[in-house]
N, C-alpha and C. Protein backbone atom coordinates (compact mmCIF):
# COMPACT_ATOMS: atom_id res chain seq x y z
N GLU A 1 0.94 -1.05 -0.04
CA GLU A 1 -0.03 -0.21 0.23
C GLU A 1 1.04 1.44 -0.15
N ASP A 2 1.01 2.06 -0.91
CA ASP A 2 1.62 3.20 -1.05
C ASP A 2 1.04 4.45 0.00
N HIS A 3 1.72 5.57 -0.03
CA HIS A 3 1.54 6.29 0.94
C HIS A 3 0.06 6.90 1.31
N GLU A 4 -0.40 7.27 0.19
CA GLU A 4 -1.41 8.14 -0.29
C GLU A 4 -2.38 6.99 0.04
N GLU A 5 -2.64 6.10 -0.16
CA GLU A 5 -3.57 4.81 0.01
C GLU A 5 -3.54 4.69 1.78
N PHE A 6 -2.54 4.65 2.05
CA PHE A 6 -2.44 4.72 3.53
C PHE A 6 -3.22 5.98 4.66
N VAL A 7 -2.74 6.81 4.01
CA VAL A 7 -3.53 7.97 4.55
C VAL A 7 -5.02 8.48 4.50
N ARG A 8 -5.34 7.67 3.12
CA ARG A 8 -6.89 7.65 2.88
C ARG A 8 -7.55 6.85 3.85
N ARG A 9 -7.04 5.54 4.12
CA ARG A 9 -7.46 4.85 4.78
C ARG A 9 -7.52 4.66 6.34
N HIS A 10 -6.14 5.22 6.96
CA HIS A 10 -5.97 5.37 8.22
C HIS A 10 -6.10 6.68 8.75
N VAL A 11 -5.93 7.85 8.05
CA VAL A 11 -6.41 8.90 8.75
C VAL A 11 -7.37 9.60 8.62
N ASN A 12 -8.21 10.36 9.69
CA ASN A 12 -9.13 10.92 9.58
C ASN A 12 -9.28 12.62 8.59
N ILE A 13 -10.27 12.89 8.04
CA ILE A 13 -10.31 13.92 6.97
C ILE A 13 -9.74 15.03 7.61
N HIS A 14 -9.96 15.21 8.89
CA HIS A 14 -9.49 16.82 9.27
C HIS A 14 -7.94 16.91 9.29
N ASP A 15 -7.31 15.41 9.52
CA ASP A 15 -5.98 15.48 9.58
C ASP A 15 -5.28 15.25 8.13
N GLN A 16 -5.94 15.04 7.19
CA GLN A 16 -5.88 14.78 5.63
C GLN A 16 -5.51 15.84 5.23
N PHE A 17 -6.50 17.25 5.58
CA PHE A 17 -6.32 18.44 5.31
C PHE A 17 -5.18 18.93 6.26
N TYR A 18 -5.05 18.86 6.91
CA TYR A 18 -4.05 19.36 7.70
C TYR A 18 -2.51 18.92 7.03
N LEU A 19 -2.32 17.61 6.45
CA LEU A 19 -1.35 17.01 5.87
C LEU A 19 -1.21 17.58 4.80
N TYR A 20 -2.16 17.79 3.96
CA TYR A 20 -2.17 18.40 2.56
C TYR A 20 -1.65 19.74 2.71
N ARG A 21 -2.10 20.35 3.67
CA ARG A 21 -1.67 22.02 3.42
C ARG A 21 -0.05 21.87 3.78
N ILE A 22 0.32 20.87 5.02
CA ILE A 22 1.62 21.31 4.98
C ILE A 22 2.49 20.83 3.80
N PHE A 23 2.40 19.60 3.63
CA PHE A 23 3.20 19.02 1.86
C PHE A 23 3.16 20.37 1.33
N CYS A 24 2.00 20.91 0.63
CA CYS A 24 2.04 22.11 0.02
C CYS A 24 2.97 23.24 0.39
N VAL A 25 2.71 23.64 1.79
CA VAL A 25 3.56 24.78 2.01
C VAL A 25 5.05 24.14 2.08
N ALA A 26 5.73 23.10 2.44
CA ALA A 26 7.01 22.86 2.27
C ALA A 26 7.29 22.65 1.03
N CYS A 27 6.74 22.15 0.13
CA CYS A 27 6.55 22.06 -1.62
C CYS A 27 7.08 23.75 -2.07
N THR A 28 6.38 24.35 -1.48
CA THR A 28 6.66 25.96 -1.83
C THR A 28 7.94 26.52 -1.53
N GLU A 29 7.78 26.16 -0.23
CA GLU A 29 9.49 26.98 0.81
C GLU A 29 10.59 26.34 -0.17
N LEU A 30 10.34 25.16 -0.31
CA LEU A 30 11.61 24.30 -1.15
C LEU A 30 11.83 24.73 -2.66
N GLY A 31 10.68 25.60 -3.33
CA GLY A 31 10.72 25.72 -4.52
C GLY A 31 10.30 24.71 -5.61
N ASP A 32 9.59 23.86 -4.84
CA ASP A 32 9.31 22.27 -5.94
C ASP A 32 8.17 22.45 -6.30
N TYR A 33 7.74 23.56 -7.07
CA TYR A 33 6.07 23.77 -7.30
C TYR A 33 5.66 22.27 -8.20
N THR A 34 6.37 21.85 -8.97
CA THR A 34 5.91 20.49 -9.84
C THR A 34 5.49 19.76 -9.17
N LYS A 35 6.19 19.68 -7.66
CA LYS A 35 5.37 18.03 -7.12
C LYS A 35 4.22 18.94 -6.10
N ALA A 36 4.41 19.85 -5.77
CA ALA A 36 3.21 20.53 -5.13
C ALA A 36 1.88 20.21 -6.07
N CYS A 37 1.84 20.89 -7.30
CA CYS A 37 1.05 20.76 -8.30
C CYS A 37 0.59 19.56 -8.71
N THR A 38 1.40 18.51 -8.81
CA THR A 38 1.19 17.03 -9.07
C THR A 38 0.32 16.68 -8.06
N TYR A 39 0.83 16.76 -6.67
CA TYR A 39 0.27 16.04 -5.82
C TYR A 39 -1.28 17.04 -5.68
N SER A 40 -1.13 18.08 -5.73
CA SER A 40 -2.52 18.79 -5.41
C SER A 40 -3.61 18.08 -6.36
N GLU A 41 -3.11 17.72 -7.84
CA GLU A 41 -4.11 17.55 -8.50
C GLU A 41 -4.61 15.97 -8.25
N ARG A 42 -3.73 15.01 -7.95
CA ARG A 42 -4.15 13.86 -7.23
C ARG A 42 -5.16 13.81 -6.14
N VAL A 43 -4.23 14.54 -5.23
CA VAL A 43 -5.00 14.36 -3.75
C VAL A 43 -6.29 15.60 -3.58
N PHE A 44 -6.32 16.73 -3.88
CA PHE A 44 -7.39 17.61 -3.48
C PHE A 44 -8.65 17.08 -4.03
N PRO A 45 -8.81 16.70 -5.19
CA PRO A 45 -10.43 16.48 -5.57
C PRO A 45 -10.94 15.27 -4.52
N TYR A 46 -10.18 14.56 -4.02
CA TYR A 46 -10.87 13.54 -3.27
C TYR A 46 -10.62 13.71 -1.79
N LEU A 47 -10.10 14.76 -1.21
CA LEU A 47 -10.22 15.51 0.01
C LEU A 47 -11.58 16.40 0.15
N LEU A 48 -12.03 16.97 -1.21
CA LEU A 48 -12.91 17.73 -1.54
C LEU A 48 -14.40 16.77 -1.40
N ALA A 49 -14.19 15.78 -1.86
CA ALA A 49 -15.35 14.81 -2.09
C ALA A 49 -15.71 14.16 -0.65
N GLN A 50 -14.12 13.75 0.04
CA GLN A 50 -14.51 13.37 1.29
C GLN A 50 -15.14 14.74 2.48
N SER A 51 -14.91 15.48 1.90
CA SER A 51 -15.33 16.75 3.10
C SER A 51 -16.92 17.16 2.96
N GLU A 52 -17.35 16.57 2.04
CA GLU A 52 -18.82 16.74 1.86
C GLU A 52 -19.45 16.00 3.12
N ARG A 53 -19.14 15.13 3.45
CA ARG A 53 -19.39 14.30 4.37
C ARG A 53 -19.53 15.00 5.82
N GLY A 54 -18.84 16.02 5.76
CA GLY A 54 -18.96 16.95 7.12
C GLY A 54 -18.23 16.15 8.33
N GLY A 55 -18.72 16.94 9.71
CA GLY A 55 -18.20 16.34 10.80
C GLY A 55 -16.57 16.51 11.06
N PHE A 56 -15.98 17.45 10.47
CA PHE A 56 -14.94 17.76 10.98
C PHE A 56 -14.38 19.32 10.99
N ASN A 57 -13.11 19.48 11.64
CA ASN A 57 -12.81 21.10 11.62
C ASN A 57 -12.62 22.03 10.09
N GLN A 58 -13.75 22.94 10.10
CA GLN A 58 -13.77 23.63 8.89
C GLN A 58 -12.84 24.35 8.70
N PHE A 59 -12.25 24.81 9.66
CA PHE A 59 -10.84 25.64 9.72
C PHE A 59 -9.70 24.85 8.66
N GLN A 60 -9.74 23.64 8.89
CA GLN A 60 -8.86 22.74 8.34
C GLN A 60 -8.97 22.72 6.51
N LYS A 61 -10.39 22.77 6.30
CA LYS A 61 -10.68 22.97 4.97
C LYS A 61 -10.42 24.21 4.37
N ALA A 62 -10.95 25.19 5.22
CA ALA A 62 -10.21 26.65 4.69
C ALA A 62 -8.88 26.83 4.48
N ASP A 63 -8.11 26.29 5.46
CA ASP A 63 -6.43 26.90 5.10
C ASP A 63 -6.49 25.65 3.85
N ALA A 64 -6.63 24.50 3.90
CA ALA A 64 -6.39 23.73 2.64
C ALA A 64 -6.98 24.29 1.58
N LEU A 65 -8.12 25.01 1.34
CA LEU A 65 -8.58 25.65 0.10
C LEU A 65 -7.41 26.79 -0.37
N ALA A 66 -7.16 27.59 1.11
CA ALA A 66 -6.27 28.46 0.45
C ALA A 66 -5.11 28.09 -0.33
N GLU A 67 -4.47 27.11 0.23
CA GLU A 67 -3.48 26.67 -0.15
C GLU A 67 -3.44 25.92 -1.41
N HIS A 68 -4.57 25.31 -2.08
CA HIS A 68 -4.72 24.84 -3.04
C HIS A 68 -4.81 26.06 -4.31
N GLY A 69 -5.85 27.28 -3.77
CA GLY A 69 -5.74 28.27 -4.28
C GLY A 69 -4.05 28.80 -4.44
N LYS A 70 -3.17 28.80 -3.97
CA LYS A 70 -2.11 29.04 -4.46
C LYS A 70 -1.42 28.07 -5.34
N VAL A 71 -1.42 26.72 -4.99
CA VAL A 71 -1.07 25.77 -6.00
C VAL A 71 -1.49 26.25 -7.39
N CYS A 72 -2.74 26.65 -7.56
CA CYS A 72 -3.57 27.07 -8.81
C CYS A 72 -3.19 27.94 -9.40
N LYS A 73 -2.65 29.08 -8.45
CA LYS A 73 -2.25 30.37 -8.69
C LYS A 73 -0.60 30.14 -9.54
N ARG A 74 0.04 29.11 -8.97
CA ARG A 74 1.39 28.97 -9.54
C ARG A 74 1.23 28.44 -10.97
N LEU A 75 0.19 27.38 -11.39
CA LEU A 75 -0.12 26.91 -12.33
C LEU A 75 -0.54 27.92 -13.39
N GLY A 76 -1.09 28.80 -13.05
CA GLY A 76 -1.50 29.78 -13.75
C GLY A 76 -2.81 29.47 -14.20
N LYS A 77 -3.68 28.91 -12.99
CA LYS A 77 -5.34 28.70 -13.40
C LYS A 77 -5.83 29.97 -11.96
N TYR A 78 -5.67 31.15 -13.07
CA TYR A 78 -6.33 32.56 -11.78
C TYR A 78 -7.83 32.31 -11.89
N ASN A 79 -8.52 31.79 -12.40
CA ASN A 79 -9.87 31.40 -12.18
C ASN A 79 -10.33 30.64 -10.91
N ASP A 80 -9.65 29.27 -11.17
CA ASP A 80 -9.53 28.26 -10.02
C ASP A 80 -8.97 28.69 -8.64
N SER A 81 -7.80 29.72 -8.66
CA SER A 81 -7.48 29.94 -7.85
C SER A 81 -8.35 31.07 -7.00
N GLN A 82 -8.84 32.00 -7.84
CA GLN A 82 -9.99 33.03 -7.23
C GLN A 82 -11.01 32.20 -6.76
N LYS A 83 -11.63 31.18 -7.19
CA LYS A 83 -12.79 30.21 -6.84
C LYS A 83 -12.24 29.75 -5.13
N TYR A 84 -11.21 29.11 -5.02
CA TYR A 84 -10.92 28.58 -3.88
C TYR A 84 -10.68 29.33 -2.95
N TYR A 85 -10.24 30.65 -3.34
CA TYR A 85 -9.92 31.66 -2.14
C TYR A 85 -11.23 32.07 -1.69
N ASP A 86 -11.96 32.36 -2.31
CA ASP A 86 -13.40 32.73 -2.26
C ASP A 86 -14.48 31.77 -1.08
N GLU A 87 -14.24 30.52 -1.58
CA GLU A 87 -14.81 29.27 -0.86
C GLU A 87 -14.04 29.45 0.83
N ALA A 88 -12.60 29.68 0.90
CA ALA A 88 -11.92 29.34 2.03
C ALA A 88 -12.42 30.60 2.93
N PHE A 89 -12.60 31.84 2.25
CA PHE A 89 -13.11 33.30 2.83
C PHE A 89 -14.49 33.19 3.62
N LEU A 90 -15.46 32.28 2.72
CA LEU A 90 -16.64 32.16 3.28
C LEU A 90 -16.95 31.16 4.32
N ILE A 91 -15.95 30.25 4.72
CA ILE A 91 -15.85 29.23 5.28
C ILE A 91 -15.35 30.28 6.99
N TYR A 92 -14.64 30.84 6.83
CA TYR A 92 -13.90 31.58 7.95
C TYR A 92 -15.25 32.48 8.22
N LYS A 93 -15.91 33.32 7.49
CA LYS A 93 -16.90 34.38 7.59
C LYS A 93 -18.10 33.67 8.20
N LYS A 94 -18.73 32.37 7.83
CA LYS A 94 -19.57 31.25 8.31
C LYS A 94 -19.59 31.08 9.85
N GLU A 95 -18.15 30.04 9.61
CA GLU A 95 -17.74 29.04 10.66
C GLU A 95 -17.26 29.60 12.00
N CYS A 96 -16.64 30.65 12.20
CA CYS A 96 -16.08 31.06 12.80
C CYS A 96 -17.07 31.93 14.14
N SER A 97 -16.66 31.28 15.44
CA SER A 97 -17.89 31.85 16.22
C SER A 97 -17.21 32.85 16.95
N GLN A 98 -18.12 33.75 18.22
CA GLN A 98 -17.18 34.93 18.33
C GLN A 98 -15.84 34.57 19.10
N GLU A 99 -15.54 33.48 19.81
CA GLU A 99 -14.55 32.95 20.39
C GLU A 99 -13.14 32.82 19.48
N ASP A 100 -13.65 32.38 18.27
CA ASP A 100 -12.59 32.49 17.06
C ASP A 100 -12.12 33.77 16.39
N ASP A 101 -12.70 34.93 16.64
CA ASP A 101 -12.65 36.06 16.12
C ASP A 101 -11.60 36.37 15.24
N LEU A 102 -10.36 36.03 16.07
CA LEU A 102 -8.88 36.36 15.67
C LEU A 102 -8.64 35.90 14.69
N ARG A 103 -8.71 34.27 15.05
CA ARG A 103 -8.74 33.32 13.91
C ARG A 103 -9.38 33.53 12.59
N ARG A 104 -10.21 34.37 12.71
CA ARG A 104 -11.13 34.57 11.28
C ARG A 104 -10.65 35.82 10.76
N ILE A 105 -10.45 36.57 11.53
CA ILE A 105 -9.41 38.06 11.14
C ILE A 105 -8.28 38.05 10.07
N ASP A 106 -7.30 37.09 10.91
CA ASP A 106 -6.37 36.32 10.68
C ASP A 106 -6.17 35.76 9.31
N GLY A 107 -7.20 34.69 9.12
CA GLY A 107 -7.70 34.05 8.22
C GLY A 107 -7.96 34.58 6.83
N GLN A 108 -8.68 35.52 7.21
CA GLN A 108 -9.47 36.68 6.22
C GLN A 108 -8.44 37.59 5.53
N ALA A 109 -7.51 37.93 6.42
CA ALA A 109 -6.54 38.59 5.89
C ALA A 109 -5.77 38.17 4.87
N CYS A 110 -5.11 37.04 5.69
CA CYS A 110 -4.16 36.10 4.37
C CYS A 110 -4.91 36.08 3.28
N LEU A 111 -6.39 35.62 3.25
CA LEU A 111 -6.72 35.31 1.90
C LEU A 111 -6.95 36.82 1.28
N ARG A 112 -7.07 37.50 1.70
CA ARG A 112 -6.94 38.99 0.72
C ARG A 112 -5.91 39.48 0.43
N SER A 113 -4.96 39.16 1.04
CA SER A 113 -3.48 39.30 0.33
C SER A 113 -3.15 38.42 -0.81
N GLU A 114 -3.45 37.16 -0.38
CA GLU A 114 -3.42 36.41 -1.45
C GLU A 114 -4.09 36.67 -2.86
N GLN A 115 -5.60 37.50 -2.45
CA GLN A 115 -6.35 37.79 -3.65
C GLN A 115 -5.76 38.96 -4.09
N ALA A 116 -5.31 39.98 -3.79
CA ALA A 116 -4.61 41.28 -3.95
C ALA A 116 -3.55 40.45 -4.85
N ASP A 117 -2.58 39.31 -4.62
CA ASP A 117 -1.31 39.29 -5.26
C ASP A 117 -2.11 38.52 -6.75
N LEU A 118 -3.06 37.55 -6.49
CA LEU A 118 -3.47 37.31 -7.93
C LEU A 118 -3.95 38.15 -8.97
N THR A 119 -4.66 39.41 -8.17
CA THR A 119 -5.02 40.44 -9.17
C THR A 119 -4.11 40.77 -10.06
N LEU A 120 -3.14 41.42 -9.12
CA LEU A 120 -1.83 41.88 -9.55
C LEU A 120 -1.21 40.94 -10.60
N ILE A 121 -1.21 39.89 -10.49
CA ILE A 121 -0.43 38.81 -11.80
C ILE A 121 -1.67 38.92 -12.84
N GLN A 122 -2.69 38.85 -12.77
CA GLN A 122 -3.75 38.84 -13.66
C GLN A 122 -3.60 39.92 -14.44
N SER A 123 -3.02 41.30 -13.77
CA SER A 123 -3.25 42.62 -14.77
C SER A 123 -2.10 42.61 -15.03
N ILE A 124 -0.90 41.88 -15.00
CA ILE A 124 0.41 42.18 -15.47
C ILE A 124 0.20 41.28 -16.88
N GLY A 125 -0.38 40.00 -16.58
CA GLY A 125 -0.48 39.13 -17.79
C GLY A 125 -1.31 39.77 -18.35
N GLU A 126 -2.13 40.50 -18.80
CA GLU A 126 -3.45 41.30 -19.56
C GLU A 126 -2.38 42.26 -19.87
N GLN A 127 -1.54 43.06 -19.04
CA GLN A 127 -0.78 44.19 -20.09
C GLN A 127 0.20 43.69 -21.26
N LYS A 128 0.70 42.28 -20.81
CA LYS A 128 1.40 41.64 -21.87
C LYS A 128 1.30 41.25 -23.03
N ALA A 129 -0.40 40.65 -22.63
CA ALA A 129 -0.98 40.16 -23.90
C ALA A 129 -1.41 41.06 -24.57
């Protein structure tokens, strides 16, 4: 059984989202965007399908969506990237209780920064075209 299959069978969805995010962050920090993109294309659709069942920390899903948005941005899939950023933003907006207000604000601020970066990249691309 390979690593991905082991994780799917034996690790709960909450921790799978966390592992996905950590893997993508590590690849990005190391500059290995190819590995992050390949892994994302294989694993992320499965995670989203599993997440529809619910019963886990939605913040992990929001963090993973934001990280996948970054991967899409690296691939030049700007519309997909924006879609994942928007979905993550809504999770922070809907799922945060008063006690988690700082986490919501921090999460939304990080997403707004990523969205601004995405807008800048898109406008530069349009100017070149």
